[in-house]
N, C-alpha and C. Protein backbone atom coordinates (compact mmCIF):
# COMPACT_ATOMS: atom_id res chain seq x y z
N UNK A 1 14.18 6.45 -12.10
CA UNK A 1 14.04 6.97 -10.76
C UNK A 1 15.39 6.88 -10.07
N UNK A 2 15.88 7.99 -9.62
CA UNK A 2 17.15 8.04 -8.91
C UNK A 2 16.88 7.83 -7.43
N UNK A 3 17.60 6.93 -6.82
CA UNK A 3 17.41 6.71 -5.39
C UNK A 3 17.77 5.31 -4.99
N UNK A 4 17.22 4.90 -3.89
CA UNK A 4 17.50 3.59 -3.32
C UNK A 4 16.21 2.81 -3.17
N UNK A 5 16.34 1.51 -3.19
CA UNK A 5 15.21 0.63 -2.94
C UNK A 5 15.53 -0.20 -1.71
N UNK A 6 14.52 -0.41 -0.89
CA UNK A 6 14.74 -1.19 0.32
C UNK A 6 13.56 -2.13 0.53
N UNK A 7 13.86 -3.36 0.83
CA UNK A 7 12.82 -4.34 1.17
C UNK A 7 13.24 -5.02 2.46
N UNK A 8 12.26 -5.26 3.32
CA UNK A 8 12.54 -5.92 4.60
C UNK A 8 11.51 -7.00 4.84
N UNK A 9 11.96 -8.10 5.33
CA UNK A 9 11.07 -9.21 5.69
C UNK A 9 11.28 -9.51 7.17
N UNK A 10 10.20 -9.52 7.91
CA UNK A 10 10.24 -9.80 9.34
C UNK A 10 9.38 -11.01 9.65
N UNK A 11 9.86 -11.84 10.52
CA UNK A 11 9.02 -12.92 11.04
C UNK A 11 8.05 -12.29 12.03
N UNK A 12 6.77 -12.48 11.81
CA UNK A 12 5.75 -11.90 12.67
C UNK A 12 5.32 -12.94 13.70
N UNK A 13 5.36 -12.51 14.94
CA UNK A 13 4.90 -13.35 16.05
C UNK A 13 3.87 -12.56 16.84
N UNK A 14 3.16 -13.22 17.71
CA UNK A 14 2.22 -12.50 18.57
C UNK A 14 2.95 -11.47 19.41
N UNK A 15 4.17 -11.78 19.76
CA UNK A 15 4.94 -10.89 20.63
C UNK A 15 5.42 -9.62 19.92
N UNK A 16 5.78 -9.72 18.63
CA UNK A 16 6.35 -8.55 17.96
C UNK A 16 5.40 -7.87 16.98
N UNK A 17 4.20 -8.43 16.77
CA UNK A 17 3.29 -7.91 15.74
C UNK A 17 3.04 -6.41 15.86
N UNK A 18 2.68 -5.94 17.01
CA UNK A 18 2.35 -4.51 17.18
C UNK A 18 3.56 -3.63 16.89
N UNK A 19 4.73 -4.06 17.31
CA UNK A 19 5.94 -3.26 17.07
C UNK A 19 6.30 -3.21 15.59
N UNK A 20 6.13 -4.33 14.90
CA UNK A 20 6.44 -4.36 13.47
C UNK A 20 5.44 -3.49 12.69
N UNK A 21 4.18 -3.56 13.05
CA UNK A 21 3.17 -2.71 12.40
C UNK A 21 3.49 -1.24 12.64
N UNK A 22 3.86 -0.89 13.85
CA UNK A 22 4.22 0.50 14.15
C UNK A 22 5.45 0.93 13.35
N UNK A 23 6.44 0.06 13.26
CA UNK A 23 7.63 0.37 12.47
C UNK A 23 7.25 0.60 11.01
N UNK A 24 6.40 -0.24 10.46
CA UNK A 24 5.96 -0.08 9.07
C UNK A 24 5.28 1.27 8.87
N UNK A 25 4.47 1.68 9.81
CA UNK A 25 3.79 2.98 9.70
C UNK A 25 4.79 4.13 9.75
N UNK A 26 5.78 4.01 10.62
CA UNK A 26 6.81 5.04 10.70
C UNK A 26 7.62 5.10 9.41
N UNK A 27 7.95 3.95 8.85
CA UNK A 27 8.68 3.93 7.59
C UNK A 27 7.84 4.50 6.45
N UNK A 28 6.54 4.23 6.46
CA UNK A 28 5.64 4.82 5.45
C UNK A 28 5.72 6.34 5.50
N UNK A 29 5.72 6.90 6.69
CA UNK A 29 5.80 8.36 6.84
C UNK A 29 7.12 8.90 6.31
N UNK A 30 8.20 8.18 6.55
CA UNK A 30 9.51 8.59 6.03
C UNK A 30 9.49 8.58 4.51
N UNK A 31 8.93 7.53 3.92
CA UNK A 31 8.84 7.44 2.46
C UNK A 31 8.02 8.60 1.91
N UNK A 32 6.86 8.87 2.52
CA UNK A 32 6.02 9.98 2.05
C UNK A 32 6.75 11.31 2.16
N UNK A 33 7.42 11.55 3.27
CA UNK A 33 8.10 12.84 3.47
C UNK A 33 9.26 13.03 2.51
N UNK A 34 9.82 11.94 2.00
CA UNK A 34 10.93 12.01 1.04
C UNK A 34 10.43 11.92 -0.40
N UNK A 35 9.11 12.00 -0.59
CA UNK A 35 8.51 11.84 -1.93
C UNK A 35 8.93 10.52 -2.57
N UNK A 36 9.02 9.50 -1.74
CA UNK A 36 9.39 8.17 -2.21
C UNK A 36 8.20 7.43 -2.80
N UNK A 37 8.44 6.20 -3.15
CA UNK A 37 7.41 5.37 -3.77
C UNK A 37 7.28 4.06 -3.03
N UNK A 38 6.13 3.45 -3.17
CA UNK A 38 5.87 2.15 -2.54
C UNK A 38 5.82 1.08 -3.62
N UNK A 39 6.29 -0.09 -3.29
CA UNK A 39 6.32 -1.22 -4.22
C UNK A 39 5.13 -2.11 -3.88
N UNK A 40 4.01 -1.89 -4.58
CA UNK A 40 2.77 -2.58 -4.26
C UNK A 40 2.89 -4.10 -4.33
N UNK A 41 3.70 -4.60 -5.22
CA UNK A 41 3.80 -6.06 -5.37
C UNK A 41 4.37 -6.73 -4.13
N UNK A 42 5.11 -6.01 -3.33
CA UNK A 42 5.74 -6.60 -2.15
C UNK A 42 5.12 -6.12 -0.84
N UNK A 43 4.31 -5.10 -0.88
CA UNK A 43 3.84 -4.48 0.36
C UNK A 43 2.71 -5.27 1.00
N UNK A 44 2.77 -5.42 2.31
CA UNK A 44 1.68 -6.11 3.02
C UNK A 44 1.15 -5.30 4.18
N UNK A 45 1.59 -4.05 4.31
CA UNK A 45 1.16 -3.24 5.45
C UNK A 45 0.59 -1.88 5.06
N UNK A 46 0.68 -1.51 3.81
CA UNK A 46 0.22 -0.19 3.38
C UNK A 46 -1.26 -0.01 3.70
N UNK A 47 -1.61 1.18 4.19
CA UNK A 47 -2.99 1.48 4.58
C UNK A 47 -3.64 2.40 3.56
N UNK A 48 -4.97 2.43 3.53
CA UNK A 48 -5.67 3.29 2.57
C UNK A 48 -5.27 4.76 2.69
N UNK A 49 -5.13 5.27 3.90
CA UNK A 49 -4.80 6.69 4.07
C UNK A 49 -3.39 7.00 3.57
N UNK A 50 -2.48 6.07 3.71
CA UNK A 50 -1.13 6.27 3.18
C UNK A 50 -1.16 6.25 1.66
N UNK A 51 -1.95 5.35 1.10
CA UNK A 51 -2.08 5.27 -0.35
C UNK A 51 -2.68 6.55 -0.91
N UNK A 52 -3.67 7.11 -0.22
CA UNK A 52 -4.26 8.39 -0.66
C UNK A 52 -3.21 9.49 -0.64
N UNK A 53 -2.41 9.54 0.41
CA UNK A 53 -1.36 10.56 0.50
C UNK A 53 -0.32 10.37 -0.60
N UNK A 54 -0.05 9.15 -0.96
CA UNK A 54 0.96 8.81 -1.97
C UNK A 54 0.45 9.08 -3.39
N UNK A 55 -0.72 8.56 -3.73
CA UNK A 55 -1.23 8.63 -5.10
C UNK A 55 -2.18 9.80 -5.34
N UNK A 56 -2.90 10.21 -4.33
CA UNK A 56 -3.94 11.21 -4.50
C UNK A 56 -5.28 10.54 -4.79
N UNK A 57 -6.35 11.14 -4.31
CA UNK A 57 -7.68 10.55 -4.47
C UNK A 57 -8.10 10.44 -5.92
N UNK A 58 -7.71 11.41 -6.76
CA UNK A 58 -8.09 11.37 -8.17
C UNK A 58 -7.53 10.13 -8.87
N UNK A 59 -6.28 9.82 -8.62
CA UNK A 59 -5.65 8.63 -9.23
C UNK A 59 -6.36 7.37 -8.74
N UNK A 60 -6.65 7.32 -7.45
CA UNK A 60 -7.34 6.15 -6.89
C UNK A 60 -8.72 6.00 -7.51
N UNK A 61 -9.45 7.10 -7.64
CA UNK A 61 -10.79 7.05 -8.25
C UNK A 61 -10.72 6.57 -9.70
N UNK A 62 -9.73 7.05 -10.45
CA UNK A 62 -9.58 6.62 -11.84
C UNK A 62 -9.22 5.14 -11.92
N UNK A 63 -8.37 4.68 -11.01
CA UNK A 63 -8.01 3.27 -10.97
C UNK A 63 -9.22 2.40 -10.64
N UNK A 64 -10.01 2.83 -9.66
CA UNK A 64 -11.23 2.09 -9.32
C UNK A 64 -12.19 2.02 -10.50
N UNK A 65 -12.33 3.14 -11.22
CA UNK A 65 -13.22 3.17 -12.39
C UNK A 65 -12.71 2.22 -13.48
N UNK A 66 -11.42 2.22 -13.71
CA UNK A 66 -10.84 1.30 -14.69
C UNK A 66 -11.07 -0.15 -14.28
N UNK A 67 -10.85 -0.44 -13.02
CA UNK A 67 -11.08 -1.81 -12.53
C UNK A 67 -12.54 -2.19 -12.70
N UNK A 68 -13.45 -1.30 -12.42
CA UNK A 68 -14.88 -1.58 -12.57
C UNK A 68 -15.23 -1.87 -14.03
N UNK A 69 -14.65 -1.10 -14.95
CA UNK A 69 -14.91 -1.34 -16.38
C UNK A 69 -14.33 -2.67 -16.84
N UNK A 70 -13.13 -3.00 -16.38
CA UNK A 70 -12.45 -4.22 -16.83
C UNK A 70 -12.88 -5.46 -16.07
N UNK A 71 -13.37 -5.28 -14.85
CA UNK A 71 -13.72 -6.41 -13.98
C UNK A 71 -15.01 -6.09 -13.23
N UNK A 72 -16.14 -5.96 -13.95
CA UNK A 72 -17.38 -5.54 -13.29
C UNK A 72 -17.88 -6.52 -12.23
N UNK A 73 -17.49 -7.77 -12.33
CA UNK A 73 -17.93 -8.76 -11.33
C UNK A 73 -16.94 -8.90 -10.18
N UNK A 74 -15.90 -8.08 -10.20
CA UNK A 74 -14.91 -8.04 -9.11
C UNK A 74 -14.28 -9.41 -8.86
N UNK A 75 -13.98 -10.09 -9.95
CA UNK A 75 -13.37 -11.43 -9.86
C UNK A 75 -11.89 -11.33 -9.52
N UNK A 76 -11.21 -10.36 -10.12
CA UNK A 76 -9.77 -10.21 -9.92
C UNK A 76 -9.51 -9.37 -8.67
N UNK A 77 -8.98 -10.02 -7.65
CA UNK A 77 -8.71 -9.34 -6.38
C UNK A 77 -7.40 -9.84 -5.79
N UNK A 78 -6.78 -9.00 -5.03
CA UNK A 78 -5.62 -9.39 -4.23
C UNK A 78 -5.84 -8.87 -2.82
N UNK A 79 -5.02 -9.32 -1.91
CA UNK A 79 -5.09 -8.78 -0.55
C UNK A 79 -4.83 -7.28 -0.56
N UNK A 80 -3.90 -6.83 -1.40
CA UNK A 80 -3.62 -5.40 -1.50
C UNK A 80 -4.86 -4.64 -1.97
N UNK A 81 -5.53 -5.16 -3.00
CA UNK A 81 -6.74 -4.50 -3.50
C UNK A 81 -7.77 -4.37 -2.38
N UNK A 82 -8.04 -5.47 -1.70
CA UNK A 82 -9.05 -5.45 -0.64
C UNK A 82 -8.63 -4.52 0.51
N UNK A 83 -7.36 -4.52 0.85
CA UNK A 83 -6.88 -3.73 1.99
C UNK A 83 -6.80 -2.24 1.67
N UNK A 84 -6.39 -1.91 0.44
CA UNK A 84 -6.05 -0.52 0.14
C UNK A 84 -7.09 0.18 -0.74
N UNK A 85 -7.66 -0.51 -1.71
CA UNK A 85 -8.49 0.16 -2.70
C UNK A 85 -9.98 -0.11 -2.58
N UNK A 86 -10.35 -1.25 -2.04
CA UNK A 86 -11.77 -1.58 -1.96
C UNK A 86 -12.46 -0.67 -0.95
N UNK A 87 -13.67 -0.28 -1.27
CA UNK A 87 -14.40 0.61 -0.34
C UNK A 87 -15.14 -0.18 0.68
């Protein structure tokens, strides 16, 4: 993949939380418009609708089906899974 990678860490406080969330959403839109990619292992703000725009519903459905086959009791979970992929 040709391009740049960027990671940012912000201290979240009650005072800046809304602004940081808004910034993350704006950056998500920039990434989508540039046909960029998201680094799931580091992301803590990605939303389901952004993930759908990024991967497409078919890919998400296939991933959910694979997870169901491999983990029918839903034992293996992460915050990302619950936030982005769980229905």
